[in-house]
Protein backbone atom coordinates (compact mmCIF):
# COMPACT_ATOMS: atom_id res chain seq x y z
CA MET A 1 9.42 -32.13 -42.46
CA LYS A 2 6.25 -33.96 -41.43
CA ARG A 3 7.94 -35.12 -38.23
CA LEU A 4 8.89 -31.52 -37.41
CA LEU A 5 5.33 -30.30 -37.94
CA MET A 6 3.99 -33.10 -35.71
CA ILE A 7 6.37 -32.17 -32.88
CA MET A 8 5.42 -28.51 -33.14
CA SER A 9 1.72 -29.39 -33.08
CA LEU A 10 2.11 -31.55 -29.94
CA GLY A 11 4.07 -28.76 -28.25
CA ALA A 12 1.37 -26.21 -29.01
CA LEU A 13 -1.31 -28.61 -27.75
CA TYR A 14 0.56 -29.24 -24.47
CA SER A 15 1.09 -25.52 -24.03
CA THR A 16 -2.61 -24.81 -24.56
CA THR A 17 -3.68 -27.56 -22.15
CA SER A 18 -1.21 -26.41 -19.50
CA CYS A 19 -2.36 -22.79 -19.68
CA SER A 20 -6.04 -23.66 -19.51
CA SER A 21 -5.64 -25.93 -16.44
CA LYS A 22 -4.50 -23.11 -14.09
CA PRO A 23 -7.70 -21.08 -14.19
CA GLU A 24 -9.71 -24.26 -13.79
CA GLU A 25 -7.80 -25.02 -10.56
CA LYS A 26 -8.59 -21.54 -9.25
CA GLU A 27 -12.24 -21.99 -10.08
CA GLU A 28 -12.31 -25.32 -8.20
CA GLN A 29 -10.72 -23.81 -5.05
CA ILE A 30 -13.21 -24.19 -2.15
CA LYS A 31 -14.27 -21.07 -0.30
CA LEU A 32 -14.40 -21.53 3.47
CA LEU A 33 -16.99 -19.92 5.73
CA THR A 34 -15.93 -17.33 8.32
CA THR A 35 -17.71 -15.22 10.88
CA SER A 36 -16.93 -13.02 13.91
CA PRO A 37 -17.52 -13.26 17.66
CA LEU A 38 -20.89 -11.87 18.71
CA ALA A 39 -20.78 -9.11 21.34
CA THR A 40 -23.98 -9.26 23.38
CA ASP A 41 -25.69 -9.58 26.76
CA THR A 42 -26.93 -13.05 27.60
CA THR A 43 -27.70 -15.47 30.39
CA ILE A 44 -26.28 -18.87 31.18
CA THR A 45 -27.44 -21.66 33.45
CA LYS A 46 -24.83 -22.47 36.07
CA GLU A 47 -24.78 -25.81 37.84
CA TYR A 48 -23.73 -26.01 41.49
CA VAL A 49 -23.23 -29.17 43.53
CA ALA A 50 -25.80 -29.12 46.34
CA GLN A 51 -26.66 -30.81 49.61
CA ILE A 52 -30.34 -31.35 50.40
CA HIS A 53 -31.59 -31.05 53.98
CA ALA A 54 -35.00 -31.26 55.58
CA TYR A 55 -36.57 -28.03 56.77
CA GLN A 56 -36.50 -29.52 60.27
CA HIS A 57 -34.27 -32.46 61.16
CA ILE A 58 -33.76 -33.31 64.82
CA GLU A 59 -32.45 -36.08 67.03
CA LEU A 60 -34.86 -37.65 69.52
CA ARG A 61 -33.02 -38.61 72.71
CA ALA A 62 -34.02 -40.21 75.97
CA LEU A 63 -34.62 -37.62 78.67
CA GLU A 64 -34.61 -40.16 81.51
CA LYS A 65 -32.84 -43.40 82.32
CA GLY A 66 -34.79 -46.66 82.17
CA TYR A 67 -35.95 -49.57 80.03
CA LEU A 68 -37.42 -48.91 76.61
CA GLN A 69 -40.82 -50.33 77.49
CA LYS A 70 -42.88 -49.49 74.40
CA ILE A 71 -42.29 -48.36 70.80
CA PHE A 72 -45.48 -47.03 69.22
CA VAL A 73 -44.13 -46.28 65.73
CA ASP A 74 -42.03 -47.92 63.02
CA GLU A 75 -38.98 -46.91 61.04
CA GLY A 76 -39.83 -44.76 58.02
CA GLN A 77 -43.31 -44.03 59.35
CA THR A 78 -44.93 -40.63 59.01
CA VAL A 79 -45.96 -39.26 62.41
CA THR A 80 -48.03 -36.26 63.46
CA LYS A 81 -47.30 -33.66 66.13
CA GLY A 82 -48.08 -34.99 69.64
CA GLN A 83 -48.21 -38.64 68.56
CA PRO A 84 -46.64 -41.05 71.16
CA MET A 85 -43.40 -42.59 69.91
CA PHE A 86 -41.50 -44.19 72.81
CA GLN A 87 -42.25 -45.09 76.42
CA ILE A 88 -39.45 -45.47 78.95
CA THR A 89 -40.30 -47.40 82.15
CA PRO A 90 -42.26 -44.87 84.26
CA LEU A 91 -42.56 -46.85 87.52
CA VAL A 92 -39.75 -45.10 89.42
CA TYR A 93 -40.96 -41.67 88.35
CA GLN A 94 -44.56 -42.54 89.26
CA ALA A 95 -43.36 -43.50 92.73
CA ASP A 96 -41.40 -40.23 93.01
CA LEU A 97 -44.51 -38.29 92.05
CA GLN A 98 -46.66 -40.08 94.63
CA LYS A 99 -44.03 -39.44 97.31
CA SER A 100 -43.82 -35.74 96.40
CA GLN A 101 -47.59 -35.40 96.42
CA ALA A 102 -47.81 -37.03 99.87
CA GLU A 103 -45.15 -34.70 101.25
CA ALA A 104 -46.92 -31.71 99.72
CA ASN A 105 -50.20 -32.77 101.37
CA TYR A 106 -48.46 -33.11 104.76
CA VAL A 107 -46.80 -29.68 104.48
CA ASP A 108 -50.10 -28.16 103.34
CA ILE A 109 -51.75 -29.38 106.58
CA GLU A 110 -48.87 -27.96 108.60
CA TYR A 111 -49.23 -24.62 106.87
CA LYS A 112 -52.96 -24.44 107.56
CA ASN A 113 -52.39 -25.16 111.27
CA THR A 114 -49.64 -22.57 111.49
CA LYS A 115 -51.82 -20.01 109.74
CA SER A 116 -54.63 -20.65 112.24
CA LEU A 117 -52.23 -20.12 115.13
CA ALA A 118 -50.79 -17.01 113.52
CA ASP A 119 -54.28 -15.58 113.08
CA SER A 120 -54.74 -16.03 116.86
CA ASN A 121 -51.33 -14.42 117.50
CA ILE A 122 -50.04 -17.64 119.05
CA VAL A 123 -47.10 -17.98 116.61
CA SER A 124 -45.12 -15.25 114.90
CA LYS A 125 -45.50 -14.10 111.30
CA ASN A 126 -41.95 -15.35 110.60
CA GLU A 127 -42.97 -18.88 111.54
CA LEU A 128 -45.97 -18.59 109.19
CA ALA A 129 -43.70 -17.39 106.39
CA LEU A 130 -41.37 -20.33 106.99
CA SER A 131 -44.29 -22.73 106.81
CA LYS A 132 -45.45 -21.10 103.56
CA ALA A 133 -41.97 -21.52 102.08
CA LYS A 134 -41.97 -25.23 102.95
CA LEU A 135 -45.33 -25.60 101.21
CA ASN A 136 -44.05 -23.84 98.06
CA LYS A 137 -41.02 -26.13 98.00
CA ALA A 138 -43.19 -29.22 98.36
CA ARG A 139 -45.41 -28.08 95.49
CA ALA A 140 -42.32 -27.41 93.35
CA ASP A 141 -41.12 -30.97 94.08
CA VAL A 142 -44.48 -32.26 92.83
CA SER A 143 -44.13 -30.27 89.58
CA LEU A 144 -40.57 -31.60 89.11
CA ALA A 145 -41.70 -35.19 89.66
CA GLN A 146 -44.55 -34.68 87.17
CA THR A 147 -42.03 -33.35 84.61
CA HIS A 148 -39.73 -36.36 85.06
CA LEU A 149 -42.70 -38.67 84.60
CA GLN A 150 -43.75 -36.83 81.42
CA PHE A 151 -40.19 -37.21 80.08
CA THR A 152 -40.63 -41.00 80.09
CA SER A 153 -43.21 -40.59 77.31
CA ILE A 154 -41.60 -39.25 74.13
CA LYS A 155 -43.99 -37.68 71.62
CA ALA A 156 -43.46 -36.24 68.14
CA PRO A 157 -42.65 -32.51 68.37
CA PHE A 158 -43.85 -31.91 64.79
CA ASN A 159 -45.16 -33.74 61.73
CA GLY A 160 -42.36 -35.72 60.11
CA ILE A 161 -40.81 -38.98 58.97
CA MET A 162 -39.06 -41.41 61.33
CA ASP A 163 -35.55 -42.64 60.70
CA HIS A 164 -34.21 -46.04 61.89
CA PHE A 165 -34.16 -46.92 65.60
CA GLN A 166 -31.00 -46.65 67.64
CA GLY A 167 -32.51 -48.61 70.54
CA ARG A 168 -34.64 -51.75 70.59
CA LEU A 169 -37.60 -52.75 72.71
CA GLY A 170 -36.49 -53.75 76.21
CA SER A 171 -33.02 -52.21 75.98
CA VAL A 172 -31.68 -49.98 78.74
CA VAL A 173 -31.30 -46.34 77.76
CA ASN A 174 -29.49 -43.63 79.67
CA GLU A 175 -30.35 -39.97 79.79
CA GLY A 176 -29.25 -38.41 76.48
CA ASP A 177 -29.11 -41.66 74.46
CA LEU A 178 -30.18 -41.28 70.81
CA LEU A 179 -33.42 -43.09 69.97
CA THR A 180 -34.03 -41.96 66.37
CA THR A 181 -34.19 -38.87 64.15
CA LEU A 182 -37.24 -37.07 62.82
CA SER A 183 -37.43 -35.05 59.59
CA ASP A 184 -40.00 -32.53 58.45
CA ASN A 185 -39.77 -32.85 54.66
CA SER A 186 -42.68 -30.57 53.77
CA LYS A 187 -40.07 -28.20 52.36
CA MET A 188 -36.35 -28.65 51.81
CA TRP A 189 -33.32 -26.47 52.33
CA VAL A 190 -30.75 -26.91 49.56
CA TYR A 191 -27.25 -25.55 50.17
CA PHE A 192 -24.73 -24.72 47.41
CA ASN A 193 -21.56 -22.64 47.06
CA VAL A 194 -21.25 -19.72 44.63
CA PRO A 195 -18.00 -17.99 43.50
CA GLU A 196 -17.57 -14.30 44.31
CA ALA A 197 -18.03 -13.01 40.74
CA GLU A 198 -21.28 -14.95 40.32
CA TYR A 199 -22.45 -13.80 43.74
CA LEU A 200 -22.12 -10.17 42.56
CA ALA A 201 -24.10 -10.98 39.40
CA TYR A 202 -26.76 -12.64 41.54
CA LYS A 203 -27.09 -9.55 43.73
CA GLU A 204 -27.67 -7.40 40.65
CA GLN A 205 -30.28 -9.84 39.38
CA ALA A 206 -31.96 -9.99 42.79
CA LYS A 207 -32.29 -6.20 42.81
CA ALA A 208 -34.02 -6.29 39.43
CA ASP A 209 -36.25 -9.33 39.95
CA ASN A 210 -36.71 -9.26 43.75
CA VAL A 211 -36.91 -13.07 43.75
CA VAL A 212 -34.41 -15.41 42.09
CA ASN A 213 -35.84 -18.82 41.21
CA VAL A 214 -33.63 -21.87 40.83
CA LYS A 215 -34.14 -25.47 39.76
CA LEU A 216 -32.90 -28.71 41.26
CA LEU A 217 -31.25 -31.41 39.16
CA MET A 218 -31.67 -34.66 41.05
CA ALA A 219 -29.26 -37.59 41.16
CA ASN A 220 -31.11 -39.34 38.32
CA ASN A 221 -30.47 -36.30 36.05
CA GLU A 222 -34.12 -35.30 36.13
CA VAL A 223 -35.16 -31.78 37.09
CA PHE A 224 -37.30 -31.60 40.24
CA LYS A 225 -40.87 -30.62 39.43
CA TYR A 226 -41.07 -27.61 41.74
CA PRO A 227 -38.75 -24.57 41.47
CA GLY A 228 -37.02 -23.18 44.52
CA VAL A 229 -36.25 -19.68 45.74
CA VAL A 230 -32.93 -18.38 47.04
CA LYS A 231 -33.75 -16.88 50.43
CA THR A 232 -30.55 -16.98 52.47
CA ILE A 233 -26.86 -16.20 51.89
CA GLU A 234 -24.22 -16.76 54.54
CA ALA A 235 -22.45 -13.75 56.01
CA ASP A 236 -18.85 -14.53 55.01
CA PHE A 237 -16.88 -15.86 52.05
CA ASN A 238 -14.68 -18.89 52.48
CA ASN A 239 -11.14 -17.49 52.19
CA GLU A 240 -9.75 -20.80 50.94
CA THR A 241 -12.23 -21.37 48.11
CA GLY A 242 -13.50 -17.84 47.40
CA ASN A 243 -17.07 -19.14 47.60
CA ILE A 244 -20.07 -18.15 49.65
CA ALA A 245 -22.88 -20.49 50.69
CA PHE A 246 -26.42 -19.99 49.35
CA ARG A 247 -29.58 -21.65 50.65
CA ALA A 248 -32.58 -22.25 48.41
CA THR A 249 -35.96 -23.40 49.71
CA PHE A 250 -37.92 -25.97 47.66
CA PRO A 251 -41.51 -27.09 48.32
CA ASN A 252 -41.77 -30.85 48.66
CA PRO A 253 -45.51 -31.61 48.74
CA ASN A 254 -45.14 -35.21 47.52
CA GLY A 255 -42.26 -36.03 49.86
CA LEU A 256 -39.97 -37.09 47.01
CA LEU A 257 -36.92 -35.33 48.45
CA ARG A 258 -35.36 -36.69 51.63
CA ASN A 259 -32.82 -35.36 54.06
CA GLY A 260 -29.22 -36.10 53.01
CA GLU A 261 -29.83 -36.39 49.26
CA THR A 262 -27.45 -34.78 46.78
CA GLY A 263 -28.08 -32.99 43.51
CA SER A 264 -27.23 -29.83 41.62
CA VAL A 265 -28.82 -26.42 41.72
CA LEU A 266 -29.42 -24.82 38.32
CA MET A 267 -29.31 -21.03 38.53
CA THR A 268 -29.62 -18.54 35.67
CA VAL A 269 -26.76 -16.04 35.75
CA PRO A 270 -26.83 -12.84 33.64
CA LEU A 271 -23.73 -11.96 31.58
CA LYS A 272 -23.09 -8.41 30.38
CA HIS A 273 -21.01 -7.38 27.33
CA VAL A 274 -19.57 -10.80 26.52
CA LEU A 275 -18.24 -12.37 23.32
CA LEU A 276 -19.84 -15.56 22.00
CA ILE A 277 -18.38 -17.91 19.39
CA PRO A 278 -19.65 -21.21 17.98
CA GLN A 279 -18.19 -24.28 19.63
CA LYS A 280 -17.56 -25.84 16.23
CA ALA A 281 -15.19 -22.95 15.35
CA THR A 282 -12.75 -24.22 18.00
CA PHE A 283 -10.34 -27.12 18.30
CA GLU A 284 -8.30 -28.51 21.16
CA ILE A 285 -4.59 -29.30 21.44
CA LEU A 286 -3.09 -30.57 24.71
CA GLU A 287 -6.08 -29.36 26.74
CA LYS A 288 -5.86 -25.86 25.27
CA ARG A 289 -8.51 -24.44 22.99
CA TYR A 290 -7.79 -22.63 19.72
CA VAL A 291 -9.47 -20.93 16.75
CA TYR A 292 -8.22 -19.98 13.30
CA VAL A 293 -8.19 -16.20 12.80
CA VAL A 294 -8.07 -14.85 9.22
CA ASP A 295 -5.91 -11.74 8.71
CA ALA A 296 -6.17 -8.97 6.08
CA LYS A 297 -4.12 -11.05 3.60
CA ASN A 298 -6.47 -14.03 3.89
CA ILE A 299 -3.93 -16.03 5.87
CA VAL A 300 -5.13 -18.16 8.79
CA HIS A 301 -3.39 -18.02 12.15
CA GLN A 302 -3.87 -20.42 15.02
CA ARG A 303 -4.79 -18.49 18.20
CA GLU A 304 -5.33 -19.73 21.74
CA ILE A 305 -8.52 -18.63 23.52
CA ASN A 306 -9.78 -18.89 27.09
CA VAL A 307 -13.36 -19.98 27.63
CA ALA A 308 -15.27 -18.37 30.50
CA SER A 309 -18.50 -20.39 30.22
CA GLU A 310 -20.15 -22.97 28.04
CA MET A 311 -23.62 -22.76 26.51
CA PRO A 312 -25.41 -25.09 24.10
CA ASP A 313 -23.36 -24.88 20.85
CA LEU A 314 -21.59 -21.72 22.08
CA TYR A 315 -18.64 -20.62 24.17
CA VAL A 316 -18.44 -17.42 26.21
CA ILE A 317 -14.93 -16.06 25.59
CA LYS A 318 -12.86 -14.80 28.48
CA ASP A 319 -9.96 -13.51 26.35
CA GLY A 320 -8.09 -14.12 23.09
CA LEU A 321 -10.53 -12.54 20.62
CA THR A 322 -12.23 -9.26 19.79
CA SER A 323 -15.52 -8.63 18.04
CA ASN A 324 -13.60 -7.44 14.95
CA ASP A 325 -11.72 -10.72 14.41
CA LYS A 326 -12.69 -13.03 11.56
CA ILE A 327 -12.63 -16.66 12.63
CA LEU A 328 -12.87 -19.79 10.51
CA LEU A 329 -16.22 -21.48 11.04
CA GLU A 330 -15.92 -24.54 8.80
CA GLY A 331 -13.15 -26.61 7.28
CA LEU A 332 -10.84 -26.43 10.29
CA ARG A 333 -9.30 -29.78 9.38
CA LYS A 334 -8.58 -28.64 5.83
CA VAL A 335 -6.15 -25.87 6.75
CA LYS A 336 -3.08 -25.36 8.88
CA ASP A 337 -1.42 -22.35 10.45
CA GLY A 338 -0.08 -19.97 7.77
CA ASP A 339 -2.30 -21.19 4.90
CA LYS A 340 -3.78 -18.64 2.54
CA ILE A 341 -7.46 -19.27 1.94
CA SER A 342 -10.44 -18.04 0.00
CA TYR A 343 -13.48 -17.43 2.16
CA THR A 344 -16.95 -16.05 2.40
CA TYR A 345 -18.05 -14.07 5.44
CA GLU A 346 -21.38 -14.24 7.25
CA ALA A 347 -22.36 -11.95 10.10
CA PRO A 348 -22.68 -13.72 13.48
CA LYS A 349 -26.35 -12.76 13.86
CA LYS A 350 -27.03 -14.75 10.71
CA VAL A 351 -24.81 -17.69 11.65
CA PHE A 352 -25.73 -18.24 15.29
CA PRO A 353 -29.45 -19.11 14.99
CA GLY A 354 -28.69 -22.19 12.85
CA LEU A 355 -25.81 -23.53 14.92
CA LYS A 356 -25.47 -27.16 15.85
CA VAL A 357 -22.26 -28.79 16.98
CA TYR A 358 -21.14 -31.52 14.62
CA SER A 359 -18.00 -33.37 13.59
CA GLU A 360 -16.63 -32.64 10.18
């Protein structure tokens, strides 16, 4: 009898313990945090690969044939407008000038004699006109010889920085040979390509702001001190890439930027009526991005999304979600597709200000 009572008591105790454990498990179930995509207008900073060119960048070439007799400057030197740079042997051209001047003097004397005879009606007016034409030709030959002589002295056409020499002192140069290049780096032209959709957004922004400022990210990942202004857009789109070329002008008072550098233009692009979601609400599988969407029965479903743009801690959604969807914000590694969960919901305007991407 005692043994029977003991067995019954143990059974009742087990039954009581078993019943009480189920509610405790429900109480210990973790509630996950959910939110919704935020529908809003915003701006993003787009980065475009850019080529940097000097405002003026020209080739200096020999205009006459001869020996490179003098070099007055050095590679990398800053020169001013009108400063002598190269001297090509002028002796032949000096001789040509002297010859032309002598011929012009001789023809001038002939003309004066003919004019005196014409005034006395000894020679005809046609002969005087012919003599005048010879004099004009002789004077033109003098001017041409003077020009050739001037071409032997090459001077800086504007303030700029010298590049390396293509010819050395004493070398023979022919007409048209490259001597060096000269760059005016006081301001820089930065070229970058913009897709068609972003071009349209830029045009709307330009109408509103009149001037669109951009920044330059240099090769060392530092932002150039002075902002630039987009002033020029090419006429046509590239049919192969769907892009159009922009040109921004940057002041360069300290001469930090040089012709031929590379960098990236940072341009603020407005976005209208877009959906934003936290980056940490997404996960990636085989280069595709997904979120967990919670349905009306509290069941999570894996859904693929397409990202249009990336912002700090946020994604701009191209498609895959609506503003009414509830997405799982935390605990993504604790659930799988088809799980039923318990969750708390926070409005996106409350969630977004405190966002920071982190690994769970």
